[in-house]
Amino acid sequence: MEDNALWLRHLLGLLVQVLVAFYIFVKSLRLTQLNYVAIPMFVSGIIKYGERTWALRSASSDQFRDSLLPSPDPGPNYAKFMEEYVLREAEGYNIQWTKMKDPKVVVRSLVTDNSKDCHIEAASIPKRAYEYFQIYKCLFADLILGFQELEMSKSFFLHSEWKEAFNVVEIELALVFDSFYTKAAIHYTRWGRILRLITVSSTFVTLAAYYFSQKHKYSEVDVIITYTLLVGAVSLEIFGMVVWLCSDWALIWLDHHEKMPVKQIYKAISCLKIFSSDSKWSNHMMQYNLINSCFEAALTKSCILLPCYFYRKLQMKTKTELTERVPDMLKKYIFKQLLEHTSDLKEDRAFCTSRGSWVLDRYQSQDLNWSIEKEFDQSILLWHIASDLCYHTDEDSGPESACYVECQVSKLLSNYMLYLLVKRPFMLPNGIGKIRFQDTCAEAKDFIQERSVKDAKTARQRLLTIKTNILPGDIKGDRSKSVLFDACRLAKYLQNRDWKWKIIVGVWVEMLVYAASQCRSDHHAQELAQGGELLTHVWLLLAHVGLSEHFRISEGHARVVLDVT
């Protein structure tokens, strides 16, 4: 994203390097075959560097936003209307004016089914994702969409299964990634295809011309080096063409051309799929556990030797920041919860800011409101420790348990939200989360050392035995920001609730939704370069089902007509 903003610097680099290369080429100009062989490679290099600068400029925030702005619309001629109104009124006519739909405005169909128009069965989901990408990429430029765009996607997502919905969002974000971080948005235009053909042809022509040229005047080492460079350039061109043909962009482009034998071409392209990856994002979520991190930090401090210290440091990071594959049950549960809040658009938008109040009201647990009405980072720490203590109390329950799904989803979301708080704080609302986390870890370490606790399981059991009849804040004051024993108090309260895991998982889903809706669009785009975050997928899903503030609710286009009698 930073390179996109510095496209002018890359343009300057292009001009300087072209001039220097041209100067060297002219200075070394001799009446030999190699001078003519160098010309197509020189052209190819200029085009490739130019494409890069063009792509950076197109993806820069200002240019990207300007490209999405609609054409200026001055609206009906107000001055002419009022002149006619005053003239008719002066002539003594009885004048009335009414609003009616403007016939000049082309309204997009509210329900579309592009899968019926697909000539390639595999293109149905990518084609739909591309259509939504053309509309919802405005979100990454902080632009507001209209009500009709909302109804268009909402009608599809409300009648889709969770797997289909996540697949569409996954491809949609992959297209966004290509727009910001690759040349795809250029290569799949008409000029992009022409330039790509020129560069590929130039590279092959250079290799062929060099092969048939006279090389006996040059040393064998120089010839070998030149062959290596040319073969490497040709290999990169072939690899680029394979990636180009196997991408969703090529599949969508191919499906749009009815006159071509698309099915036969697609079968030929399918043979190349073995050289490309079908994964659109990492499909993983990082996990960070507070209590486990305290023990791993203690192991690191016990090491004295410097090489061993670095080994322990690396080992600690590996164990603390675990990576879990996003399970299907988590996606299914999140999508199900979002669909429950799409009946009334204006009222259900409050779900994005509830942070747990909706599920507490549903299970009549308003006495827990104190834990979600605090600052967001404080609520994350409170519920993370409480969920962790409750989970390891019930961890022996297997898949046959009635609360197994809620228990597993709660654990994953709890550790994921803490990871965002500790490692990706810019994706969460502003606060003092790192300070609270450090103070809470410090208190947990003191508790572990004082009682000589050797493992995390025993530490969790000991924490639940501490009496919390008096509020920890009344004893400690507000100097320390630790929430360790407030979380223990919350965990012991949850242990006595009949709907414990329904409440816990509901709170975490609402916190996830709140964090996704509050994260800035440029931060979502930035994380796409790191493999993508579950938070970004939830953010885009919120927009598709209408649980977002990025829509302008209006009655549509209208024009005023004078009724003269």
Protein backbone atom coordinates (compact mmCIF):
# COMPACT_ATOMS: atom_id res chain seq x y z
CA MET A 1 0.00 0.00 0.00
CA GLU A 2 2.93 2.33 0.70
CA ASP A 3 4.40 1.63 -2.75
CA ASN A 4 1.07 2.54 -4.33
CA ALA A 5 1.19 5.94 -2.68
CA LEU A 6 4.76 6.47 -3.94
CA TRP A 7 4.00 5.79 -7.61
CA LEU A 8 5.51 9.15 -8.61
CA ARG A 9 8.85 8.04 -7.20
CA HIS A 10 8.63 4.83 -9.24
CA LEU A 11 7.78 6.90 -12.32
CA LEU A 12 10.94 8.94 -11.74
CA GLY A 13 12.90 5.71 -11.36
CA LEU A 14 11.44 4.49 -14.66
CA LEU A 15 12.53 7.62 -16.50
CA VAL A 16 16.02 7.60 -15.01
CA GLN A 17 16.65 3.90 -15.69
CA VAL A 18 15.30 4.08 -19.24
CA LEU A 19 17.55 7.06 -20.01
CA VAL A 20 20.60 5.37 -18.46
CA ALA A 21 19.94 2.09 -20.27
CA PHE A 22 19.39 3.94 -23.55
CA TYR A 23 22.62 5.89 -23.05
CA ILE A 24 24.57 2.69 -22.46
CA PHE A 25 22.92 1.08 -25.48
CA VAL A 26 23.86 4.02 -27.74
CA LYS A 27 27.43 4.20 -26.40
CA SER A 28 27.95 0.50 -27.10
CA LEU A 29 26.29 0.63 -30.52
CA ARG A 30 28.25 -1.33 -33.10
CA LEU A 31 27.32 -2.85 -36.44
CA THR A 32 26.88 -6.32 -34.95
CA GLN A 33 23.97 -8.71 -34.67
CA LEU A 34 23.82 -8.40 -30.89
CA ASN A 35 22.74 -4.75 -31.11
CA TYR A 36 19.66 -5.75 -33.08
CA VAL A 37 19.00 -8.67 -30.70
CA ALA A 38 18.99 -6.27 -27.74
CA ILE A 39 16.24 -4.04 -29.16
CA PRO A 40 13.22 -6.33 -28.45
CA MET A 41 14.50 -7.02 -24.92
CA PHE A 42 14.91 -3.27 -24.40
CA VAL A 43 11.29 -2.74 -25.48
CA SER A 44 10.09 -5.54 -23.19
CA GLY A 45 11.90 -4.04 -20.21
CA ILE A 46 10.38 -0.59 -20.77
CA ILE A 47 6.87 -2.08 -21.03
CA LYS A 48 7.25 -4.17 -17.89
CA TYR A 49 8.58 -1.29 -15.80
CA GLY A 50 5.88 0.95 -17.24
CA GLU A 51 3.18 -1.60 -16.34
CA ARG A 52 4.46 -1.65 -12.80
CA THR A 53 4.26 2.12 -12.46
CA TRP A 54 0.82 2.12 -14.10
CA ALA A 55 -0.39 -0.53 -11.65
CA LEU A 56 0.98 1.39 -8.65
CA ARG A 57 -0.73 4.58 -9.80
CA SER A 58 -4.06 2.79 -10.40
CA ALA A 59 -3.97 1.27 -6.91
CA SER A 60 -3.00 4.48 -5.09
CA SER A 61 -5.70 5.68 -2.72
CA ASP A 62 -6.46 8.92 -4.56
CA GLN A 63 -6.55 7.40 -8.04
CA PHE A 64 -8.47 4.34 -6.84
CA ARG A 65 -11.09 6.52 -5.19
CA ASP A 66 -11.37 8.84 -8.21
CA SER A 67 -11.86 5.88 -10.56
CA LEU A 68 -14.91 4.80 -8.55
CA LEU A 69 -16.64 8.17 -8.47
CA PRO A 70 -19.73 8.36 -10.71
CA SER A 71 -20.06 10.91 -13.49
CA PRO A 72 -21.10 14.39 -12.26
CA ASP A 73 -24.88 14.72 -12.12
CA PRO A 74 -26.22 18.28 -11.79
CA GLY A 75 -29.78 16.98 -11.52
CA PRO A 76 -32.89 18.61 -12.99
CA ASN A 77 -32.59 22.21 -14.17
CA TYR A 78 -33.88 24.02 -11.10
CA ALA A 79 -33.56 27.55 -12.60
CA LYS A 80 -35.52 26.59 -15.70
CA PHE A 81 -38.18 24.88 -13.60
CA MET A 82 -38.67 27.93 -11.39
CA GLU A 83 -38.84 30.27 -14.41
CA GLU A 84 -41.59 28.17 -15.90
CA TYR A 85 -43.36 27.93 -12.54
CA VAL A 86 -43.33 31.74 -12.03
CA LEU A 87 -44.44 32.36 -15.64
CA ARG A 88 -47.41 29.99 -15.39
CA GLU A 89 -48.38 31.42 -12.03
CA ALA A 90 -48.30 34.97 -13.44
CA GLU A 91 -50.58 33.89 -16.28
CA GLY A 92 -53.21 32.87 -13.73
CA TYR A 93 -52.95 29.09 -14.04
CA ASN A 94 -53.58 26.75 -11.11
CA ILE A 95 -50.24 25.03 -10.71
CA GLN A 96 -49.43 21.82 -8.85
CA TRP A 97 -46.31 19.72 -8.95
CA THR A 98 -45.89 16.02 -8.33
CA LYS A 99 -42.98 13.63 -7.93
CA MET A 100 -42.61 10.64 -10.20
CA LYS A 101 -39.94 8.13 -11.12
CA ASP A 102 -37.37 9.45 -13.54
CA PRO A 103 -37.53 7.33 -16.72
CA LYS A 104 -33.98 8.33 -17.66
CA VAL A 105 -32.54 6.48 -14.67
CA VAL A 106 -31.67 2.87 -15.29
CA VAL A 107 -32.31 0.93 -12.12
CA ARG A 108 -30.32 -2.22 -11.53
CA SER A 109 -32.35 -5.39 -11.11
CA LEU A 110 -32.76 -6.26 -7.47
CA VAL A 111 -32.41 -9.98 -7.94
CA THR A 112 -29.80 -11.34 -10.32
CA ASP A 113 -28.83 -14.90 -11.02
CA ASN A 114 -25.72 -14.93 -13.13
CA SER A 115 -25.20 -18.65 -12.64
CA LYS A 116 -27.89 -19.34 -15.27
CA ASP A 117 -25.97 -17.30 -17.85
CA CYS A 118 -22.66 -19.07 -17.24
CA HIS A 119 -21.26 -21.12 -20.11
CA ILE A 120 -18.72 -22.70 -17.75
CA GLU A 121 -20.10 -24.32 -14.63
CA ALA A 122 -17.00 -23.50 -12.58
CA ALA A 123 -17.43 -19.79 -13.41
CA SER A 124 -20.75 -19.31 -11.59
CA ILE A 125 -19.31 -18.31 -8.21
CA PRO A 126 -16.32 -16.33 -9.59
CA LYS A 127 -18.65 -14.45 -11.95
CA ARG A 128 -20.99 -13.52 -9.12
CA ALA A 129 -18.04 -12.52 -6.92
CA TYR A 130 -16.71 -10.34 -9.75
CA GLU A 131 -20.06 -8.57 -10.06
CA TYR A 132 -20.10 -7.82 -6.34
CA PHE A 133 -16.43 -6.82 -6.49
CA GLN A 134 -17.27 -4.15 -9.07
CA ILE A 135 -19.79 -2.68 -6.60
CA TYR A 136 -18.30 -3.31 -3.16
CA LYS A 137 -14.75 -2.26 -3.92
CA CYS A 138 -16.11 1.19 -3.10
CA LEU A 139 -15.89 0.15 0.56
CA PHE A 140 -12.09 0.11 0.30
CA ALA A 141 -12.24 3.75 -0.81
CA ASP A 142 -14.59 4.72 2.06
CA LEU A 143 -17.45 5.50 -0.33
CA ILE A 144 -21.14 5.05 0.40
CA LEU A 145 -23.29 2.67 -1.62
CA GLY A 146 -26.94 3.01 -2.54
CA PHE A 147 -29.92 1.05 -1.30
CA GLN A 148 -30.31 -0.84 -4.58
CA GLU A 149 -26.77 -2.25 -4.43
CA LEU A 150 -27.56 -3.53 -0.93
CA GLU A 151 -30.76 -5.28 -2.03
CA MET A 152 -28.92 -6.80 -4.97
CA SER A 153 -26.39 -8.68 -2.82
CA LYS A 154 -28.63 -9.17 0.19
CA SER A 155 -31.18 -11.11 -1.84
CA PHE A 156 -28.42 -13.58 -2.79
CA PHE A 157 -26.75 -13.98 0.61
CA LEU A 158 -30.02 -14.42 2.50
CA HIS A 159 -30.85 -17.43 0.32
CA SER A 160 -27.37 -18.94 0.24
CA GLU A 161 -25.66 -21.58 2.30
CA TRP A 162 -22.77 -20.52 4.50
CA LYS A 163 -20.21 -22.28 2.30
CA GLU A 164 -21.35 -20.53 -0.87
CA ALA A 165 -21.43 -17.16 0.89
CA PHE A 166 -17.88 -17.52 2.23
CA ASN A 167 -16.64 -18.72 -1.19
CA VAL A 168 -18.04 -15.60 -2.85
CA VAL A 169 -16.46 -13.33 -0.25
CA GLU A 170 -13.17 -15.22 -0.52
CA ILE A 171 -12.97 -14.72 -4.29
CA GLU A 172 -14.14 -11.13 -3.94
CA LEU A 173 -11.29 -10.33 -1.52
CA ALA A 174 -8.84 -12.15 -3.81
CA LEU A 175 -9.87 -9.77 -6.60
CA VAL A 176 -9.36 -6.84 -4.23
CA PHE A 177 -5.90 -8.17 -3.39
CA ASP A 178 -5.06 -8.41 -7.10
CA SER A 179 -6.19 -4.81 -7.60
CA PHE A 180 -3.96 -3.46 -4.83
CA TYR A 181 -0.91 -5.72 -5.00
CA THR A 182 -0.59 -7.13 -8.54
CA LYS A 183 -0.83 -6.07 -12.19
CA ALA A 184 -4.02 -8.08 -12.69
CA ALA A 185 -6.25 -5.02 -13.03
CA ILE A 186 -4.05 -3.93 -15.97
CA HIS A 187 -3.26 -7.28 -17.58
CA TYR A 188 -6.93 -8.14 -18.07
CA THR A 189 -7.76 -4.94 -19.94
CA ARG A 190 -7.50 -4.72 -23.75
CA TRP A 191 -4.30 -2.67 -23.62
CA GLY A 192 -2.94 -4.96 -20.94
CA ARG A 193 -3.40 -8.03 -23.12
CA ILE A 194 -1.75 -6.28 -26.07
CA LEU A 195 1.25 -5.25 -23.97
CA ARG A 196 1.51 -8.74 -22.49
CA LEU A 197 1.60 -10.22 -26.00
CA ILE A 198 4.35 -7.77 -27.00
CA THR A 199 6.55 -8.56 -23.97
CA VAL A 200 6.16 -12.34 -24.35
CA SER A 201 6.89 -12.17 -28.08
CA SER A 202 9.88 -9.88 -27.54
CA THR A 203 11.44 -12.24 -25.00
CA PHE A 204 11.04 -15.31 -27.20
CA VAL A 205 12.29 -13.41 -30.27
CA THR A 206 15.38 -12.30 -28.34
CA LEU A 207 16.20 -15.85 -27.26
CA ALA A 208 15.68 -17.22 -30.78
CA ALA A 209 17.69 -14.43 -32.40
CA TYR A 210 20.56 -14.91 -29.96
CA TYR A 211 20.57 -18.65 -30.61
CA PHE A 212 21.06 -18.13 -34.35
CA SER A 213 23.47 -15.22 -34.01
CA GLN A 214 27.23 -15.52 -34.40
CA LYS A 215 28.78 -15.96 -30.96
CA HIS A 216 32.27 -17.22 -31.78
CA LYS A 217 33.75 -13.78 -31.05
CA TYR A 218 32.68 -13.88 -27.41
CA SER A 219 33.99 -15.87 -24.48
CA GLU A 220 32.23 -19.06 -23.47
CA VAL A 221 31.49 -17.66 -19.99
CA ASP A 222 29.69 -14.62 -21.42
CA VAL A 223 27.66 -16.83 -23.75
CA ILE A 224 26.61 -19.12 -20.89
CA ILE A 225 25.63 -16.17 -18.69
CA THR A 226 23.59 -14.64 -21.51
CA TYR A 227 21.80 -17.94 -22.18
CA THR A 228 21.06 -18.30 -18.47
CA LEU A 229 19.53 -14.83 -18.27
CA LEU A 230 17.45 -15.28 -21.43
CA VAL A 231 16.21 -18.74 -20.46
CA GLY A 232 15.32 -17.37 -17.02
CA ALA A 233 13.38 -14.51 -18.62
CA VAL A 234 11.50 -16.92 -20.90
CA SER A 235 10.74 -19.23 -17.94
CA LEU A 236 9.30 -16.31 -15.99
CA GLU A 237 7.14 -15.35 -18.97
CA ILE A 238 5.83 -18.92 -19.28
CA PHE A 239 5.11 -19.08 -15.56
CA GLY A 240 3.35 -15.71 -15.72
CA MET A 241 1.18 -16.89 -18.59
CA VAL A 242 0.22 -20.05 -16.68
CA VAL A 243 -0.77 -18.01 -13.62
CA TRP A 244 -2.63 -15.59 -15.89
CA LEU A 245 -4.61 -18.39 -17.57
CA CYS A 246 -5.43 -20.18 -14.29
CA SER A 247 -6.73 -17.11 -12.47
CA ASP A 248 -10.35 -16.20 -11.79
CA TRP A 249 -9.92 -13.12 -13.98
CA ALA A 250 -9.23 -15.31 -17.02
CA LEU A 251 -12.14 -17.61 -16.17
CA ILE A 252 -14.54 -14.66 -15.90
CA TRP A 253 -13.21 -13.10 -19.10
CA LEU A 254 -13.53 -16.40 -20.96
CA ASP A 255 -17.10 -16.94 -19.79
CA HIS A 256 -18.12 -13.54 -21.16
CA HIS A 257 -17.12 -14.47 -24.73
CA GLU A 258 -19.94 -16.57 -26.11
CA LYS A 259 -18.56 -16.78 -29.67
CA MET A 260 -15.44 -18.59 -28.52
CA PRO A 261 -15.34 -22.35 -27.82
CA VAL A 262 -15.18 -21.59 -24.10
CA LYS A 263 -15.71 -25.13 -22.83
CA GLN A 264 -12.92 -26.57 -24.97
CA ILE A 265 -10.57 -23.74 -23.98
CA TYR A 266 -11.44 -24.21 -20.31
CA LYS A 267 -10.65 -27.93 -20.50
CA ALA A 268 -7.25 -27.10 -21.95
CA ILE A 269 -6.62 -24.50 -19.24
CA SER A 270 -7.72 -26.93 -16.52
CA CYS A 271 -4.69 -29.08 -17.28
CA LEU A 272 -2.51 -26.20 -16.06
CA LYS A 273 -4.23 -26.03 -12.65
CA ILE A 274 -1.55 -28.28 -11.18
CA PHE A 275 0.90 -25.36 -11.46
CA SER A 276 -1.31 -22.95 -9.50
CA SER A 277 -2.96 -22.86 -6.08
CA ASP A 278 -6.73 -22.86 -5.56
CA SER A 279 -6.41 -21.16 -2.18
CA LYS A 280 -7.55 -17.53 -2.22
CA TRP A 281 -6.38 -16.75 1.31
CA SER A 282 -4.53 -18.41 4.16
CA ASN A 283 -7.79 -19.73 5.72
CA HIS A 284 -6.02 -19.63 9.08
CA MET A 285 -6.52 -17.61 12.23
CA MET A 286 -3.77 -16.84 14.72
CA GLN A 287 -4.25 -17.86 18.35
CA TYR A 288 -2.81 -16.20 21.44
CA ASN A 289 -3.45 -17.42 24.98
CA LEU A 290 -2.60 -15.19 27.94
CA ILE A 291 -1.99 -17.85 30.60
CA ASN A 292 0.09 -20.04 28.26
CA SER A 293 2.21 -17.03 27.33
CA CYS A 294 3.06 -16.43 31.00
CA PHE A 295 4.60 -19.89 31.35
CA GLU A 296 6.51 -19.68 28.07
CA ALA A 297 7.92 -16.28 29.08
CA ALA A 298 9.06 -17.78 32.37
CA LEU A 299 10.94 -20.52 30.49
CA THR A 300 12.71 -17.90 28.41
CA LYS A 301 13.89 -15.91 31.42
CA SER A 302 15.37 -19.03 32.99
CA CYS A 303 17.83 -19.33 30.12
CA ILE A 304 21.19 -17.60 30.63
CA LEU A 305 23.27 -18.41 27.58
CA LEU A 306 22.77 -16.01 24.66
CA PRO A 307 22.36 -18.63 21.87
CA CYS A 308 19.94 -20.56 24.04
CA TYR A 309 18.08 -17.33 24.75
CA PHE A 310 17.40 -16.76 21.06
CA TYR A 311 16.36 -20.37 20.66
CA ARG A 312 13.93 -20.02 23.55
CA LYS A 313 12.66 -16.73 22.16
CA LEU A 314 11.89 -18.35 18.84
CA GLN A 315 10.34 -21.36 20.58
CA MET A 316 8.19 -19.08 22.75
CA LYS A 317 6.88 -17.21 19.72
CA THR A 318 6.09 -20.47 17.96
CA LYS A 319 4.17 -21.88 20.92
CA THR A 320 2.42 -18.67 21.90
CA GLU A 321 1.26 -17.59 18.46
CA LEU A 322 -0.38 -20.79 17.29
CA THR A 323 -2.09 -20.98 13.93
CA GLU A 324 -5.42 -22.74 13.59
CA ARG A 325 -7.24 -23.50 10.38
CA VAL A 326 -10.61 -21.74 10.29
CA PRO A 327 -13.01 -24.68 10.76
CA ASP A 328 -16.27 -25.02 8.86
CA MET A 329 -18.26 -25.01 12.08
CA LEU A 330 -16.92 -21.53 12.89
CA LYS A 331 -17.88 -20.12 9.48
CA LYS A 332 -21.28 -21.77 9.68
CA TYR A 333 -21.97 -20.40 13.15
CA ILE A 334 -20.89 -16.85 12.25
CA PHE A 335 -23.02 -16.80 9.09
CA LYS A 336 -26.02 -18.16 10.99
CA GLN A 337 -25.70 -15.43 13.62
CA LEU A 338 -25.49 -12.70 10.97
CA LEU A 339 -28.62 -13.93 9.20
CA GLU A 340 -30.59 -13.73 12.45
CA HIS A 341 -30.16 -9.94 12.38
CA THR A 342 -31.29 -9.12 8.85
CA SER A 343 -35.07 -8.85 9.30
CA ASP A 344 -35.22 -5.10 10.03
CA LEU A 345 -32.38 -3.14 8.41
CA LYS A 346 -32.43 -0.05 10.64
CA GLU A 347 -32.88 -1.91 13.94
CA ASP A 348 -30.50 -4.75 13.20
CA ARG A 349 -27.63 -2.38 12.42
CA ALA A 350 -27.41 -1.89 16.17
CA PHE A 351 -26.12 -5.47 16.29
CA CYS A 352 -22.76 -4.20 14.99
CA THR A 353 -22.33 -2.06 18.10
CA SER A 354 -23.89 -4.37 20.70
CA ARG A 355 -20.57 -5.97 21.86
CA GLY A 356 -22.51 -8.68 23.73
CA SER A 357 -25.58 -6.86 25.03
CA TRP A 358 -27.91 -8.60 22.57
CA VAL A 359 -27.08 -12.14 23.77
CA LEU A 360 -27.11 -11.07 27.44
CA ASP A 361 -30.59 -9.64 26.99
CA ARG A 362 -31.71 -12.79 25.20
CA TYR A 363 -30.64 -15.05 28.07
CA GLN A 364 -31.66 -12.54 30.76
CA SER A 365 -28.11 -12.03 31.99
CA GLN A 366 -28.14 -8.24 32.24
CA ASP A 367 -26.20 -8.50 35.49
CA LEU A 368 -23.13 -9.19 33.30
CA ASN A 369 -23.43 -5.87 31.48
CA TRP A 370 -20.59 -4.50 33.61
CA SER A 371 -18.17 -6.72 31.66
CA ILE A 372 -19.15 -5.41 28.21
CA GLU A 373 -19.77 -1.76 29.08
CA LYS A 374 -16.09 -1.17 29.79
CA GLU A 375 -13.54 -0.16 27.15
CA PHE A 376 -13.40 -2.67 24.32
CA ASP A 377 -9.85 -3.87 25.02
CA GLN A 378 -10.77 -4.39 28.66
CA SER A 379 -13.83 -6.44 27.68
CA ILE A 380 -11.68 -8.60 25.39
CA LEU A 381 -9.24 -9.39 28.21
CA LEU A 382 -12.04 -10.07 30.71
CA TRP A 383 -13.89 -12.48 28.45
CA HIS A 384 -10.70 -14.10 27.15
CA ILE A 385 -9.52 -15.16 30.59
CA ALA A 386 -13.05 -16.12 31.68
CA SER A 387 -13.60 -18.19 28.52
CA ASP A 388 -10.21 -19.85 28.94
CA LEU A 389 -10.97 -20.86 32.53
CA CYS A 390 -14.42 -22.17 31.59
CA TYR A 391 -13.09 -24.05 28.56
CA HIS A 392 -10.44 -25.95 30.48
CA THR A 393 -13.05 -26.84 33.09
CA ASP A 394 -15.23 -28.45 30.42
CA GLU A 395 -12.49 -29.59 28.01
CA ASP A 396 -13.18 -33.27 28.70
CA SER A 397 -16.62 -33.04 27.03
CA GLY A 398 -16.44 -34.65 23.59
CA PRO A 399 -18.19 -33.99 20.25
CA GLU A 400 -21.29 -35.74 21.53
CA SER A 401 -21.81 -32.95 24.06
CA ALA A 402 -24.67 -30.53 23.34
CA CYS A 403 -22.42 -27.50 23.82
CA TYR A 404 -19.39 -28.85 21.91
CA VAL A 405 -19.71 -26.49 18.93
CA GLU A 406 -20.22 -23.40 21.11
CA CYS A 407 -17.29 -24.43 23.30
CA GLN A 408 -14.86 -24.87 20.39
CA VAL A 409 -16.00 -21.70 18.59
CA SER A 410 -15.63 -19.71 21.81
CA LYS A 411 -12.08 -20.94 22.32
CA LEU A 412 -11.04 -20.06 18.75
CA LEU A 413 -12.62 -16.61 18.81
CA SER A 414 -11.29 -15.86 22.29
CA ASN A 415 -7.68 -16.60 21.34
CA TYR A 416 -8.08 -14.87 17.97
CA MET A 417 -9.41 -11.64 19.47
CA LEU A 418 -6.56 -11.57 21.99
CA TYR A 419 -4.10 -12.05 19.13
CA LEU A 420 -5.60 -9.01 17.40
CA LEU A 421 -5.34 -7.04 20.64
CA VAL A 422 -1.68 -7.94 21.20
CA LYS A 423 -0.28 -8.24 17.66
CA ARG A 424 -2.73 -6.29 15.46
CA PRO A 425 -4.00 -3.49 17.73
CA PHE A 426 -4.47 -1.13 14.76
CA MET A 427 -7.36 -3.32 13.61
CA LEU A 428 -9.25 -2.65 16.85
CA PRO A 429 -10.70 0.59 18.28
CA ASN A 430 -8.20 2.87 20.00
CA GLY A 431 -7.46 2.08 23.63
CA ILE A 432 -4.77 1.04 26.09
CA GLY A 433 -5.02 -2.67 25.32
CA LYS A 434 -1.26 -3.29 25.34
CA ILE A 435 -0.94 -1.66 28.78
CA ARG A 436 -3.82 -3.72 30.19
CA PHE A 437 -2.35 -6.87 28.68
CA GLN A 438 1.11 -6.22 30.19
CA ASP A 439 -0.32 -5.45 33.63
CA THR A 440 -2.55 -8.53 33.54
CA CYS A 441 0.38 -10.73 32.48
CA ALA A 442 2.51 -9.27 35.27
CA GLU A 443 -0.12 -10.08 37.89
CA ALA A 444 -0.59 -13.58 36.48
CA LYS A 445 3.18 -14.21 36.64
CA ASP A 446 3.32 -13.01 40.25
CA PHE A 447 0.44 -15.36 41.11
CA ILE A 448 2.23 -18.28 39.42
CA GLN A 449 5.58 -17.61 41.12
CA GLU A 450 4.15 -17.09 44.60
CA ARG A 451 2.37 -20.45 44.50
CA SER A 452 5.14 -22.26 42.60
CA VAL A 453 2.71 -23.40 39.94
CA LYS A 454 4.43 -25.59 37.35
CA ASP A 455 1.89 -25.78 34.51
CA ALA A 456 -0.97 -23.83 32.97
CA LYS A 457 -3.65 -26.35 33.93
CA THR A 458 -2.83 -26.06 37.62
CA ALA A 459 -2.71 -22.26 37.35
CA ARG A 460 -6.24 -22.19 35.95
CA GLN A 461 -7.49 -24.42 38.76
CA ARG A 462 -5.82 -22.23 41.40
CA LEU A 463 -7.27 -19.05 39.90
CA LEU A 464 -10.80 -20.42 40.23
CA THR A 465 -10.25 -21.10 43.95
CA ILE A 466 -9.57 -17.43 44.75
CA LYS A 467 -12.50 -15.76 46.52
CA THR A 468 -13.73 -12.61 44.79
CA ASN A 469 -16.45 -11.45 47.16
CA ILE A 470 -14.84 -7.99 47.25
CA LEU A 471 -14.33 -6.25 43.95
CA PRO A 472 -10.63 -6.32 42.94
CA GLY A 473 -10.79 -2.65 42.02
CA ASP A 474 -11.77 -1.71 45.60
CA ILE A 475 -8.58 -3.33 46.89
CA LYS A 476 -6.07 -2.47 44.17
CA GLY A 477 -7.28 0.93 43.01
CA ASP A 478 -6.79 2.05 39.44
CA ARG A 479 -3.00 2.28 39.35
CA SER A 480 -2.68 -1.16 37.78
CA LYS A 481 -4.80 -1.91 34.72
CA SER A 482 -4.82 -5.65 35.37
CA VAL A 483 -8.17 -7.45 34.98
CA LEU A 484 -7.03 -10.93 36.05
CA PHE A 485 -9.24 -11.38 39.10
CA ASP A 486 -12.15 -9.47 37.59
CA ALA A 487 -12.04 -12.14 34.90
CA CYS A 488 -11.94 -14.87 37.57
CA ARG A 489 -15.03 -13.33 39.11
CA LEU A 490 -16.72 -13.39 35.70
CA ALA A 491 -15.68 -17.02 35.07
CA LYS A 492 -17.10 -18.23 38.40
CA TYR A 493 -20.34 -16.40 37.71
CA LEU A 494 -20.62 -18.03 34.26
CA GLN A 495 -20.01 -21.48 35.74
CA ASN A 496 -23.36 -21.26 37.50
CA ARG A 497 -25.36 -20.31 34.40
CA ASP A 498 -27.45 -22.88 32.54
CA TRP A 499 -26.72 -21.31 29.15
CA LYS A 500 -23.03 -20.70 29.85
CA TRP A 501 -21.62 -21.52 26.42
CA LYS A 502 -24.55 -19.97 24.55
CA ILE A 503 -23.75 -16.72 26.35
CA ILE A 504 -19.97 -16.95 25.88
CA VAL A 505 -20.07 -17.74 22.15
CA GLY A 506 -22.73 -15.07 21.61
CA VAL A 507 -20.57 -12.43 23.27
CA TRP A 508 -17.55 -13.40 21.18
CA VAL A 509 -19.47 -13.28 17.90
CA GLU A 510 -20.78 -9.82 18.77
CA MET A 511 -17.29 -8.65 19.71
CA LEU A 512 -15.95 -10.01 16.42
CA VAL A 513 -18.68 -8.18 14.49
CA TYR A 514 -18.03 -4.96 16.41
CA ALA A 515 -14.28 -5.14 15.77
CA ALA A 516 -14.84 -5.85 12.06
CA SER A 517 -17.21 -2.92 11.65
CA GLN A 518 -14.90 -0.51 13.49
CA CYS A 519 -11.70 -1.43 11.62
CA ARG A 520 -10.71 1.03 8.89
CA SER A 521 -10.92 -0.14 5.30
CA ASP A 522 -7.23 0.57 4.58
CA HIS A 523 -6.25 -1.71 7.46
CA HIS A 524 -8.42 -4.47 6.00
CA ALA A 525 -6.71 -3.96 2.63
CA GLN A 526 -3.28 -3.94 4.25
CA GLU A 527 -3.83 -7.33 5.90
CA LEU A 528 -4.70 -8.92 2.55
CA ALA A 529 -0.98 -8.84 1.76
CA GLN A 530 -0.31 -11.04 4.82
CA GLY A 531 -2.74 -13.76 3.76
CA GLY A 532 -5.96 -12.12 4.94
CA GLU A 533 -7.78 -12.05 8.26
CA LEU A 534 -11.06 -13.64 9.29
CA LEU A 535 -12.01 -10.18 10.53
CA THR A 536 -11.94 -8.86 6.94
CA HIS A 537 -14.22 -11.65 5.69
CA VAL A 538 -16.72 -10.88 8.44
CA TRP A 539 -16.52 -7.14 7.58
CA LEU A 540 -17.41 -7.78 3.95
CA LEU A 541 -20.17 -10.23 4.93
CA LEU A 542 -21.68 -7.53 7.14
CA ALA A 543 -21.85 -5.22 4.14
CA HIS A 544 -23.42 -7.87 1.93
CA VAL A 545 -26.24 -8.64 4.37
CA GLY A 546 -26.86 -4.98 5.20
CA LEU A 547 -25.35 -4.86 8.71
CA SER A 548 -23.05 -1.98 7.85
CA GLU A 549 -23.04 1.80 7.89
CA HIS A 550 -21.79 2.06 4.31
CA PHE A 551 -25.22 2.40 2.72
CA ARG A 552 -27.36 5.40 1.94
CA ILE A 553 -31.02 4.56 2.47
CA SER A 554 -33.17 6.57 0.05
CA GLU A 555 -36.41 6.27 -1.88
CA GLY A 556 -34.67 6.25 -5.24
CA HIS A 557 -34.52 8.67 -8.14
CA ALA A 558 -37.40 11.01 -8.86
CA ARG A 559 -38.25 14.05 -10.95
CA VAL A 560 -40.79 16.84 -10.48
CA VAL A 561 -43.48 17.47 -13.10
CA LEU A 562 -45.68 20.59 -13.27
CA ASP A 563 -49.43 19.99 -13.52
CA VAL A 564 -50.99 23.14 -15.09
CA THR A 565 -54.80 23.53 -15.12
